[in-house]
Amino acid sequence: KIDQKSKERIRVQGTFFGTFAGMINGAFGVSGTAVVLAGLFTYNINIKVIVGTSLLVVLFNTLFALGFHVFNGSIDMTLIYFLTIGTSIGALLGPLILSRISLNKADSKIQYIIAMVMLVLGILMFLKA
C-alpha cells in the first residue's frame, strides 16, 4: 500500500513529466517518450511495467496531439503508410525480444541503453534544427 507522502510525490512528478511530455509531443511530434521514461525510472519499478505504462501514456498523448494536427491539416498520408509498416514490424519484434531477456540483472543496463539512444536522437534533432 502506498502512503500519503508517496502518493503526493507520484502526483507531482507525474503531472510534471506528463505536462512536459505533452508539450514535446504537440510541438515536435516526438511522442515525449524520453520524458515519460525518465519520470517512470524515478519510481524504481520493473522495466516491463515501465515499458507498458509508457506505451499507454504515449498513446493518449499522441491521440490528443494527432487530433490537433488533423484539424490543422498538417499530415502526410504517404509518409504515414510507409512509416506505419516499419513501426508495426518493430512493435511486434520489440516485445518478443524483451520477453526473451532476463531483466532482473539487465534492468539498469537497459535503462542506460535507452537513455543513450534518447540522448543521441535528441542531439541529432538539435543539430538538424
Protein backbone atom coordinates (compact mmCIF):
# COMPACT_ATOMS: atom_id res chain seq x y z
CA LYS A 1 0.00 0.00 0.00
CA ILE A 2 1.25 3.49 -0.88
CA ASP A 3 1.43 6.06 1.92
CA GLN A 4 0.07 9.61 1.52
CA LYS A 5 3.53 11.19 1.09
CA SER A 6 4.38 8.79 -1.74
CA LYS A 7 1.02 9.43 -3.43
CA GLU A 8 1.68 13.17 -3.36
CA ARG A 9 5.18 12.68 -4.83
CA ILE A 10 3.70 10.48 -7.58
CA ARG A 11 1.05 13.13 -8.36
CA VAL A 12 3.56 15.99 -8.53
CA GLN A 13 6.18 14.09 -10.54
CA GLY A 14 3.57 12.51 -12.81
CA THR A 15 1.99 15.87 -13.56
CA PHE A 16 5.38 17.47 -14.24
CA PHE A 17 6.68 14.71 -16.53
CA GLY A 18 3.28 14.32 -18.23
CA THR A 19 2.94 18.04 -18.96
CA PHE A 20 6.48 18.22 -20.31
CA ALA A 21 5.94 15.11 -22.48
CA GLY A 22 2.70 16.57 -23.83
CA MET A 23 4.40 19.83 -24.79
CA ILE A 24 7.19 17.95 -26.56
CA ASN A 25 4.70 15.73 -28.39
CA GLY A 26 2.50 18.57 -29.54
CA ALA A 27 5.33 20.87 -30.55
CA PHE A 28 7.83 18.46 -32.09
CA GLY A 29 5.93 15.23 -32.80
CA VAL A 30 8.47 13.08 -30.97
CA SER A 31 5.95 11.46 -28.58
CA GLY A 32 7.59 12.62 -25.37
CA THR A 33 8.64 9.04 -24.66
CA ALA A 34 12.03 10.05 -23.25
CA VAL A 35 10.38 12.34 -20.71
CA VAL A 36 7.80 9.71 -19.77
CA LEU A 37 10.55 7.10 -19.37
CA ALA A 38 12.63 9.49 -17.26
CA GLY A 39 9.65 10.04 -14.99
CA LEU A 40 8.89 6.35 -14.69
CA PHE A 41 12.54 5.49 -13.97
CA THR A 42 12.35 7.70 -10.85
CA TYR A 43 9.77 5.31 -9.36
CA ASN A 44 12.23 2.39 -9.26
CA ILE A 45 9.81 -0.12 -10.83
CA ASN A 46 10.31 -3.13 -13.09
CA ILE A 47 11.34 -2.33 -16.68
CA LYS A 48 8.39 -4.28 -18.12
CA VAL A 49 5.97 -2.14 -16.09
CA ILE A 50 7.84 0.98 -17.24
CA VAL A 51 7.55 -0.04 -20.90
CA GLY A 52 3.87 -0.96 -20.71
CA THR A 53 2.94 2.16 -18.75
CA SER A 54 4.90 4.47 -21.04
CA LEU A 55 3.22 2.98 -24.10
CA LEU A 56 -0.24 3.73 -22.77
CA VAL A 57 0.72 7.24 -21.65
CA VAL A 58 2.30 7.97 -25.02
CA LEU A 59 -0.77 6.57 -26.82
CA PHE A 60 -3.10 9.04 -25.11
CA ASN A 61 -0.58 11.84 -25.54
CA THR A 62 -0.28 11.04 -29.23
CA LEU A 63 -4.05 10.85 -29.77
CA PHE A 64 -4.55 14.34 -28.35
CA ALA A 65 -1.69 15.82 -30.39
CA LEU A 66 -2.85 13.94 -33.51
CA GLY A 67 -6.33 15.39 -33.23
CA PHE A 68 -4.91 18.89 -33.28
CA HIS A 69 -2.65 18.19 -36.27
CA VAL A 70 -5.51 16.53 -38.22
CA PHE A 71 -7.63 19.60 -37.52
CA ASN A 72 -4.79 21.80 -38.88
CA GLY A 73 -4.30 19.60 -41.97
CA SER A 74 -0.61 19.02 -41.25
CA ILE A 75 -0.37 15.28 -42.00
CA ASP A 76 1.20 13.47 -44.99
CA MET A 77 -0.69 10.20 -45.58
CA THR A 78 2.02 8.73 -47.87
CA LEU A 79 4.59 9.01 -45.10
CA ILE A 80 2.14 7.55 -42.61
CA TYR A 81 1.63 4.49 -44.82
CA PHE A 82 5.33 3.61 -45.13
CA LEU A 83 6.32 4.54 -41.59
CA THR A 84 3.42 2.54 -40.15
CA ILE A 85 4.60 -0.61 -41.90
CA GLY A 86 8.06 -0.31 -40.33
CA THR A 87 6.87 0.68 -36.89
CA SER A 88 4.31 -2.15 -36.86
CA ILE A 89 7.05 -4.69 -37.54
CA GLY A 90 9.19 -3.13 -34.82
CA ALA A 91 6.26 -3.07 -32.40
CA LEU A 92 5.82 -6.82 -32.90
CA LEU A 93 9.52 -7.62 -32.58
CA GLY A 94 10.21 -5.39 -29.55
CA PRO A 95 8.07 -7.27 -27.02
CA LEU A 96 9.35 -10.61 -28.35
CA ILE A 97 12.94 -9.50 -27.76
CA LEU A 98 12.08 -8.05 -24.35
CA SER A 99 10.34 -11.28 -23.27
CA ARG A 100 13.49 -13.30 -24.01
CA ILE A 101 15.76 -11.13 -21.86
CA SER A 102 16.30 -11.89 -18.17
CA LEU A 103 15.53 -8.44 -16.83
CA ASN A 104 16.41 -8.79 -13.16
CA LYS A 105 20.10 -8.47 -13.97
CA ALA A 106 19.67 -6.31 -17.07
CA ASP A 107 17.28 -3.58 -15.81
CA SER A 108 19.95 -0.95 -15.19
CA LYS A 109 21.76 -1.78 -18.44
CA ILE A 110 18.55 -1.46 -20.46
CA GLN A 111 17.79 1.87 -18.77
CA TYR A 112 21.29 3.07 -19.65
CA ILE A 113 20.91 1.95 -23.29
CA ILE A 114 17.52 3.67 -23.60
CA ALA A 115 18.95 6.85 -22.09
CA MET A 116 21.90 6.83 -24.51
CA VAL A 117 19.65 6.24 -27.55
CA MET A 118 17.38 9.11 -26.47
CA LEU A 119 20.40 11.36 -25.92
CA VAL A 120 21.82 10.60 -29.37
CA LEU A 121 18.42 11.15 -31.02
CA GLY A 122 18.00 14.42 -29.15
CA ILE A 123 21.42 15.65 -30.27
CA LEU A 124 20.68 14.68 -33.88
CA MET A 125 17.35 16.52 -33.78
CA PHE A 126 19.03 19.57 -32.27
CA LEU A 127 21.73 19.58 -34.97
CA LYS A 128 19.10 19.17 -37.69
CA ALA A 129 17.04 22.16 -36.47
